[in-house]
All heavy atoms as atom14 arrays in JSON, in Angstrom:
{
  "sequence": "YPDLTFRGDENITREQLAVILYRYAGYPDAYDFVN",
  "atom14_mask": [
    [1, 1, 1, 1, 1, 1, 1, 1, 1, 1, 1, 1, 0, 0],
    [1, 1, 1, 1, 1, 1, 1, 0, 0, 0, 0, 0, 0, 0],
    [1, 1, 1, 1, 1, 1, 1, 1, 0, 0, 0, 0, 0, 0],
    [1, 1, 1, 1, 1, 1, 1, 1, 0, 0, 0, 0, 0, 0],
    [1, 1, 1, 1, 1, 1, 1, 0, 0, 0, 0, 0, 0, 0],
    [1, 1, 1, 1, 1, 1, 1, 1, 1, 1, 1, 0, 0, 0],
    [1, 1, 1, 1, 1, 1, 1, 1, 1, 1, 1, 0, 0, 0],
    [1, 1, 1, 1, 0, 0, 0, 0, 0, 0, 0, 0, 0, 0],
    [1, 1, 1, 1, 1, 1, 1, 1, 0, 0, 0, 0, 0, 0],
    [1, 1, 1, 1, 1, 1, 1, 1, 1, 0, 0, 0, 0, 0],
    [1, 1, 1, 1, 1, 1, 1, 1, 0, 0, 0, 0, 0, 0],
    [1, 1, 1, 1, 1, 1, 1, 1, 0, 0, 0, 0, 0, 0],
    [1, 1, 1, 1, 1, 1, 1, 0, 0, 0, 0, 0, 0, 0],
    [1, 1, 1, 1, 1, 1, 1, 1, 1, 1, 1, 0, 0, 0],
    [1, 1, 1, 1, 1, 1, 1, 1, 1, 0, 0, 0, 0, 0],
    [1, 1, 1, 1, 1, 1, 1, 1, 1, 0, 0, 0, 0, 0],
    [1, 1, 1, 1, 1, 1, 1, 1, 0, 0, 0, 0, 0, 0],
    [1, 1, 1, 1, 1, 0, 0, 0, 0, 0, 0, 0, 0, 0],
    [1, 1, 1, 1, 1, 1, 1, 0, 0, 0, 0, 0, 0, 0],
    [1, 1, 1, 1, 1, 1, 1, 1, 0, 0, 0, 0, 0, 0],
    [1, 1, 1, 1, 1, 1, 1, 1, 0, 0, 0, 0, 0, 0],
    [1, 1, 1, 1, 1, 1, 1, 1, 1, 1, 1, 1, 0, 0],
    [1, 1, 1, 1, 1, 1, 1, 1, 1, 1, 1, 0, 0, 0],
    [1, 1, 1, 1, 1, 1, 1, 1, 1, 1, 1, 1, 0, 0],
    [1, 1, 1, 1, 1, 0, 0, 0, 0, 0, 0, 0, 0, 0],
    [1, 1, 1, 1, 0, 0, 0, 0, 0, 0, 0, 0, 0, 0],
    [1, 1, 1, 1, 1, 1, 1, 1, 1, 1, 1, 1, 0, 0],
    [1, 1, 1, 1, 1, 1, 1, 0, 0, 0, 0, 0, 0, 0],
    [1, 1, 1, 1, 1, 1, 1, 1, 0, 0, 0, 0, 0, 0],
    [1, 1, 1, 1, 1, 0, 0, 0, 0, 0, 0, 0, 0, 0],
    [1, 1, 1, 1, 1, 1, 1, 1, 1, 1, 1, 1, 0, 0],
    [1, 1, 1, 1, 1, 1, 1, 1, 0, 0, 0, 0, 0, 0],
    [1, 1, 1, 1, 1, 1, 1, 1, 1, 1, 1, 0, 0, 0],
    [1, 1, 1, 1, 1, 1, 1, 0, 0, 0, 0, 0, 0, 0],
    [1, 1, 1, 1, 1, 1, 1, 1, 0, 0, 0, 0, 0, 0]
  ],
  "atom14_positions": [
    [[126.56, 92.91, 162.02], [127.65, 91.98, 161.74], [128.53, 91.75, 162.96], [128.54, 92.55, 163.9], [128.5, 92.49, 160.58], [127.79, 92.39, 159.25], [126.94, 93.38, 158.75], [127.96, 91.24, 158.48], [126.3, 93.25, 157.55], [127.29, 91.08, 157.26], [126.47, 92.09, 156.82], [125.81, 91.97, 155.61], [0.0, 0.0, 0.0], [0.0, 0.0, 0.0]],
    [[129.25, 90.64, 163.03], [130.07, 90.33, 164.2], [131.09, 91.4, 164.55], [131.46, 91.51, 165.73], [130.78, 89.02, 163.81], [129.84, 88.37, 162.85], [129.25, 89.52, 162.05], [0.0, 0.0, 0.0], [0.0, 0.0, 0.0], [0.0, 0.0, 0.0], [0.0, 0.0, 0.0], [0.0, 0.0, 0.0], [0.0, 0.0, 0.0], [0.0, 0.0, 0.0]],
    [[131.51, 92.21, 163.55], [132.48, 93.25, 163.82], [131.76, 94.57, 164.31], [132.38, 95.6, 164.34], [133.33, 93.54, 162.62], [132.55, 94.02, 161.41], [131.29, 94.09, 161.51], [133.16, 94.33, 160.38], [0.0, 0.0, 0.0], [0.0, 0.0, 0.0], [0.0, 0.0, 0.0], [0.0, 0.0, 0.0], [0.0, 0.0, 0.0], [0.0, 0.0, 0.0]],
    [[130.48, 94.45, 164.66], [129.68, 95.55, 165.18], [129.39, 96.62, 164.14], [129.12, 97.76, 164.48], [130.33, 96.18, 166.39], [130.63, 95.23, 167.56], [131.17, 96.05, 168.77], [129.37, 94.5, 167.97], [0.0, 0.0, 0.0], [0.0, 0.0, 0.0], [0.0, 0.0, 0.0], [0.0, 0.0, 0.0], [0.0, 0.0, 0.0], [0.0, 0.0, 0.0]],
    [[129.43, 96.25, 162.85], [129.02, 97.16, 161.8], [127.61, 96.8, 161.34], [127.12, 95.7, 161.56], [129.97, 97.08, 160.57], [129.96, 95.73, 160.09], [131.38, 97.48, 160.98], [0.0, 0.0, 0.0], [0.0, 0.0, 0.0], [0.0, 0.0, 0.0], [0.0, 0.0, 0.0], [0.0, 0.0, 0.0], [0.0, 0.0, 0.0], [0.0, 0.0, 0.0]],
    [[126.97, 97.76, 160.71], [125.64, 97.54, 160.13], [125.66, 97.38, 158.61], [124.92, 96.63, 158.03], [124.7, 98.71, 160.52], [123.29, 98.46, 160.03], [122.47, 97.54, 160.65], [122.79, 99.2, 158.98], [121.16, 97.31, 160.18], [121.48, 98.98, 158.52], [120.68, 98.04, 159.12], [0.0, 0.0, 0.0], [0.0, 0.0, 0.0], [0.0, 0.0, 0.0]],
    [[126.57, 98.15, 157.97], [126.73, 98.09, 156.49], [125.43, 98.46, 155.78], [124.89, 97.69, 154.96], [127.24, 96.71, 156.04], [128.51, 96.3, 156.8], [129.02, 94.95, 156.4], [129.99, 94.45, 157.38], [130.61, 93.25, 157.28], [130.37, 92.48, 156.23], [131.42, 92.88, 158.2], [0.0, 0.0, 0.0], [0.0, 0.0, 0.0], [0.0, 0.0, 0.0]],
    [[124.97, 99.63, 156.07], [123.67, 100.07, 155.56], [123.6, 100.2, 154.07], [122.47, 100.13, 153.52], [0.0, 0.0, 0.0], [0.0, 0.0, 0.0], [0.0, 0.0, 0.0], [0.0, 0.0, 0.0], [0.0, 0.0, 0.0], [0.0, 0.0, 0.0], [0.0, 0.0, 0.0], [0.0, 0.0, 0.0], [0.0, 0.0, 0.0], [0.0, 0.0, 0.0]],
    [[124.72, 100.38, 153.41], [124.72, 100.54, 151.97], [124.57, 99.22, 151.21], [124.39, 99.21, 149.99], [125.99, 101.26, 151.49], [125.99, 102.71, 151.96], [124.91, 103.29, 152.19], [127.12, 103.25, 152.12], [0.0, 0.0, 0.0], [0.0, 0.0, 0.0], [0.0, 0.0, 0.0], [0.0, 0.0, 0.0], [0.0, 0.0, 0.0], [0.0, 0.0, 0.0]],
    [[124.71, 98.08, 151.91], [124.58, 96.81, 151.26], [123.13, 96.57, 150.79], [122.18, 96.85, 151.56], [124.99, 95.66, 152.17], [126.5, 95.57, 152.38], [126.83, 94.31, 153.16], [125.92, 93.54, 153.56], [128.05, 94.09, 153.39], [0.0, 0.0, 0.0], [0.0, 0.0, 0.0], [0.0, 0.0, 0.0], [0.0, 0.0, 0.0], [0.0, 0.0, 0.0]],
    [[122.96, 96.11, 149.58], [121.61, 95.78, 149.09], [121.11, 94.51, 149.66], [121.9, 93.58, 149.96], [121.61, 95.73, 147.56], [121.91, 97.07, 146.93], [121.53, 98.11, 147.47], [122.52, 97.09, 145.76], [0.0, 0.0, 0.0], [0.0, 0.0, 0.0], [0.0, 0.0, 0.0], [0.0, 0.0, 0.0], [0.0, 0.0, 0.0], [0.0, 0.0, 0.0]],
    [[119.81, 94.38, 149.8], [119.23, 93.12, 150.31], [118.62, 92.32, 149.18], [118.21, 92.88, 148.15], [118.14, 93.43, 151.39], [117.01, 94.26, 150.8], [118.78, 94.1, 152.59], [115.84, 94.41, 151.77], [0.0, 0.0, 0.0], [0.0, 0.0, 0.0], [0.0, 0.0, 0.0], [0.0, 0.0, 0.0], [0.0, 0.0, 0.0], [0.0, 0.0, 0.0]],
    [[118.54, 91.03, 149.35], [117.93, 90.13, 148.39], [116.48, 89.94, 148.75], [116.03, 90.32, 149.83], [118.66, 88.76, 148.39], [118.46, 88.16, 149.7], [120.12, 88.93, 148.11], [0.0, 0.0, 0.0], [0.0, 0.0, 0.0], [0.0, 0.0, 0.0], [0.0, 0.0, 0.0], [0.0, 0.0, 0.0], [0.0, 0.0, 0.0], [0.0, 0.0, 0.0]],
    [[115.74, 89.28, 147.84], [114.32, 88.97, 148.15], [114.17, 88.09, 149.36], [113.29, 88.31, 150.17], [113.7, 88.32, 146.89], [113.39, 89.31, 145.77], [113.14, 88.59, 144.46], [112.01, 87.66, 144.52], [110.74, 88.03, 144.28], [110.44, 89.3, 144.05], [109.76, 87.15, 144.34], [0.0, 0.0, 0.0], [0.0, 0.0, 0.0], [0.0, 0.0, 0.0]],
    [[115.04, 87.11, 149.53], [114.88, 86.26, 150.69], [115.27, 86.98, 151.98], [114.65, 86.75, 153.04], [115.71, 84.96, 150.54], [117.22, 85.11, 150.58], [117.91, 83.78, 150.54], [117.26, 82.76, 150.29], [119.15, 83.76, 150.75], [0.0, 0.0, 0.0], [0.0, 0.0, 0.0], [0.0, 0.0, 0.0], [0.0, 0.0, 0.0], [0.0, 0.0, 0.0]],
    [[116.23, 87.88, 151.9], [116.55, 88.69, 153.1], [115.39, 89.6, 153.46], [115.07, 89.75, 154.63], [117.82, 89.49, 152.81], [119.07, 88.64, 152.77], [120.27, 89.41, 152.26], [120.15, 90.53, 151.72], [121.45, 88.84, 152.44], [0.0, 0.0, 0.0], [0.0, 0.0, 0.0], [0.0, 0.0, 0.0], [0.0, 0.0, 0.0], [0.0, 0.0, 0.0]],
    [[114.76, 90.17, 152.44], [113.57, 90.99, 152.68], [112.48, 90.2, 153.35], [111.82, 90.66, 154.29], [113.03, 91.59, 151.38], [111.75, 92.4, 151.48], [111.92, 93.62, 152.4], [111.3, 92.85, 150.07], [0.0, 0.0, 0.0], [0.0, 0.0, 0.0], [0.0, 0.0, 0.0], [0.0, 0.0, 0.0], [0.0, 0.0, 0.0], [0.0, 0.0, 0.0]],
    [[112.28, 88.98, 152.88], [111.24, 88.1, 153.44], [111.53, 87.83, 154.92], [110.62, 87.87, 155.76], [111.14, 86.78, 152.67], [0.0, 0.0, 0.0], [0.0, 0.0, 0.0], [0.0, 0.0, 0.0], [0.0, 0.0, 0.0], [0.0, 0.0, 0.0], [0.0, 0.0, 0.0], [0.0, 0.0, 0.0], [0.0, 0.0, 0.0], [0.0, 0.0, 0.0]],
    [[112.75, 87.58, 155.23], [113.16, 87.28, 156.63], [112.92, 88.5, 157.52], [112.38, 88.38, 158.63], [114.61, 86.81, 156.72], [115.08, 86.75, 158.18], [114.77, 85.45, 156.04], [0.0, 0.0, 0.0], [0.0, 0.0, 0.0], [0.0, 0.0, 0.0], [0.0, 0.0, 0.0], [0.0, 0.0, 0.0], [0.0, 0.0, 0.0], [0.0, 0.0, 0.0]],
    [[113.28, 89.68, 157.05], [113.11, 90.89, 157.84], [111.64, 91.15, 158.11], [111.26, 91.44, 159.25], [113.77, 92.08, 157.09], [115.3, 91.93, 157.06], [113.39, 93.4, 157.8], [115.94, 92.89, 156.09], [0.0, 0.0, 0.0], [0.0, 0.0, 0.0], [0.0, 0.0, 0.0], [0.0, 0.0, 0.0], [0.0, 0.0, 0.0], [0.0, 0.0, 0.0]],
    [[110.83, 91.0, 157.07], [109.37, 91.25, 157.25], [108.73, 90.18, 158.11], [107.8, 90.47, 158.89], [108.68, 91.29, 155.89], [109.13, 92.46, 154.98], [108.4, 92.4, 153.65], [108.87, 93.82, 155.66], [0.0, 0.0, 0.0], [0.0, 0.0, 0.0], [0.0, 0.0, 0.0], [0.0, 0.0, 0.0], [0.0, 0.0, 0.0], [0.0, 0.0, 0.0]],
    [[109.2, 88.95, 158.0], [108.7, 87.84, 158.81], [108.97, 88.08, 160.31], [108.1, 87.9, 161.15], [109.33, 86.55, 158.36], [108.83, 85.28, 158.99], [107.49, 84.94, 158.97], [109.73, 84.44, 159.64], [107.05, 83.75, 159.54], [109.31, 83.26, 160.21], [107.95, 82.92, 160.16], [107.49, 81.76, 160.76], [0.0, 0.0, 0.0], [0.0, 0.0, 0.0]],
    [[110.16, 88.56, 160.57], [110.53, 88.85, 161.95], [109.71, 90.06, 162.45], [109.21, 90.04, 163.59], [112.01, 89.15, 162.07], [112.92, 87.95, 161.82], [114.37, 88.37, 161.76], [115.28, 87.25, 161.58], [116.59, 87.39, 161.3], [117.14, 88.6, 161.21], [117.32, 86.31, 161.15], [0.0, 0.0, 0.0], [0.0, 0.0, 0.0], [0.0, 0.0, 0.0]],
    [[109.6, 91.06, 161.64], [108.82, 92.27, 162.01], [107.37, 91.91, 162.28], [106.74, 92.48, 163.19], [108.92, 93.32, 160.92], [108.1, 94.54, 161.2], [108.51, 95.48, 162.15], [106.95, 94.78, 160.49], [107.74, 96.59, 162.41], [106.16, 95.89, 160.73], [106.58, 96.83, 161.7], [105.8, 97.93, 161.95], [0.0, 0.0, 0.0], [0.0, 0.0, 0.0]],
    [[106.82, 90.96, 161.53], [105.44, 90.54, 161.67], [105.21, 89.67, 162.91], [104.1, 89.28, 163.19], [104.93, 89.85, 160.42], [0.0, 0.0, 0.0], [0.0, 0.0, 0.0], [0.0, 0.0, 0.0], [0.0, 0.0, 0.0], [0.0, 0.0, 0.0], [0.0, 0.0, 0.0], [0.0, 0.0, 0.0], [0.0, 0.0, 0.0], [0.0, 0.0, 0.0]],
    [[106.3, 89.33, 163.59], [106.19, 88.52, 164.79], [106.2, 87.01, 164.56], [105.6, 86.27, 165.33], [0.0, 0.0, 0.0], [0.0, 0.0, 0.0], [0.0, 0.0, 0.0], [0.0, 0.0, 0.0], [0.0, 0.0, 0.0], [0.0, 0.0, 0.0], [0.0, 0.0, 0.0], [0.0, 0.0, 0.0], [0.0, 0.0, 0.0], [0.0, 0.0, 0.0]],
    [[106.87, 86.56, 163.49], [106.98, 85.14, 163.17], [105.56, 84.51, 163.05], [105.26, 83.55, 163.77], [107.79, 84.4, 164.2], [109.24, 84.86, 164.29], [109.59, 85.91, 165.16], [110.22, 84.26, 163.55], [110.91, 86.35, 165.26], [111.54, 84.65, 163.64], [111.88, 85.71, 164.47], [113.19, 86.14, 164.6], [0.0, 0.0, 0.0], [0.0, 0.0, 0.0]],
    [[104.72, 85.01, 162.14], [103.37, 84.45, 162.03], [103.43, 83.03, 161.48], [104.46, 82.57, 160.94], [102.69, 85.39, 161.05], [103.79, 85.98, 160.25], [104.96, 86.1, 161.2], [0.0, 0.0, 0.0], [0.0, 0.0, 0.0], [0.0, 0.0, 0.0], [0.0, 0.0, 0.0], [0.0, 0.0, 0.0], [0.0, 0.0, 0.0], [0.0, 0.0, 0.0]],
    [[102.3, 82.34, 161.54], [102.17, 80.99, 161.02], [102.6, 80.99, 159.55], [102.14, 81.77, 158.72], [100.69, 80.56, 161.1], [100.48, 79.11, 160.7], [101.45, 78.48, 160.25], [99.35, 78.65, 160.85], [0.0, 0.0, 0.0], [0.0, 0.0, 0.0], [0.0, 0.0, 0.0], [0.0, 0.0, 0.0], [0.0, 0.0, 0.0], [0.0, 0.0, 0.0]],
    [[103.51, 80.08, 159.23], [104.06, 80.0, 157.86], [103.19, 79.14, 156.96], [103.58, 78.85, 155.83], [105.48, 79.45, 157.9], [0.0, 0.0, 0.0], [0.0, 0.0, 0.0], [0.0, 0.0, 0.0], [0.0, 0.0, 0.0], [0.0, 0.0, 0.0], [0.0, 0.0, 0.0], [0.0, 0.0, 0.0], [0.0, 0.0, 0.0], [0.0, 0.0, 0.0]],
    [[102.03, 78.71, 157.4], [101.1, 77.94, 156.6], [101.61, 76.53, 156.33], [102.63, 76.09, 156.83], [100.78, 78.65, 155.28], [100.22, 80.05, 155.45], [101.07, 81.16, 155.51], [98.86, 80.24, 155.64], [100.57, 82.45, 155.68], [98.35, 81.53, 155.83], [99.19, 82.61, 155.86], [98.69, 83.85, 156.05], [0.0, 0.0, 0.0], [0.0, 0.0, 0.0]],
    [[100.88, 75.84, 155.47], [101.19, 74.46, 155.13], [102.42, 74.41, 154.24], [102.38, 74.9, 153.1], [99.96, 73.81, 154.45], [100.15, 72.35, 154.15], [101.29, 71.88, 154.24], [99.17, 71.71, 153.84], [0.0, 0.0, 0.0], [0.0, 0.0, 0.0], [0.0, 0.0, 0.0], [0.0, 0.0, 0.0], [0.0, 0.0, 0.0], [0.0, 0.0, 0.0]],
    [[103.51, 73.83, 154.7], [104.74, 73.8, 153.95], [104.59, 72.95, 152.67], [105.35, 73.12, 151.72], [105.88, 73.25, 154.78], [106.4, 74.22, 155.78], [105.84, 75.46, 155.94], [107.43, 73.86, 156.63], [106.31, 76.37, 156.87], [107.93, 74.74, 157.58], [107.35, 75.98, 157.69], [0.0, 0.0, 0.0], [0.0, 0.0, 0.0], [0.0, 0.0, 0.0]],
    [[103.67, 72.03, 152.63], [103.56, 71.11, 151.5], [102.8, 71.77, 150.37], [103.23, 71.78, 149.21], [102.86, 69.8, 151.91], [102.66, 68.88, 150.69], [103.68, 69.08, 152.99], [0.0, 0.0, 0.0], [0.0, 0.0, 0.0], [0.0, 0.0, 0.0], [0.0, 0.0, 0.0], [0.0, 0.0, 0.0], [0.0, 0.0, 0.0], [0.0, 0.0, 0.0]],
    [[101.66, 72.36, 150.68], [100.79, 72.94, 149.66], [101.07, 74.43, 149.46], [100.21, 75.29, 149.65], [99.33, 72.74, 150.01], [98.97, 71.26, 150.1], [99.32, 70.47, 149.25], [98.3, 70.89, 151.19], [0.0, 0.0, 0.0], [0.0, 0.0, 0.0], [0.0, 0.0, 0.0], [0.0, 0.0, 0.0], [0.0, 0.0, 0.0], [0.0, 0.0, 0.0]]
  ]
}
């Protein structure tokens, strides 16, 4: 966070989990956005 905290006790949402894993995986191809 901007105040230099991590706030480890905060729970994450499903979309936050997806973002973390996506970054960890190296931003792989996100596939066809339409289908």
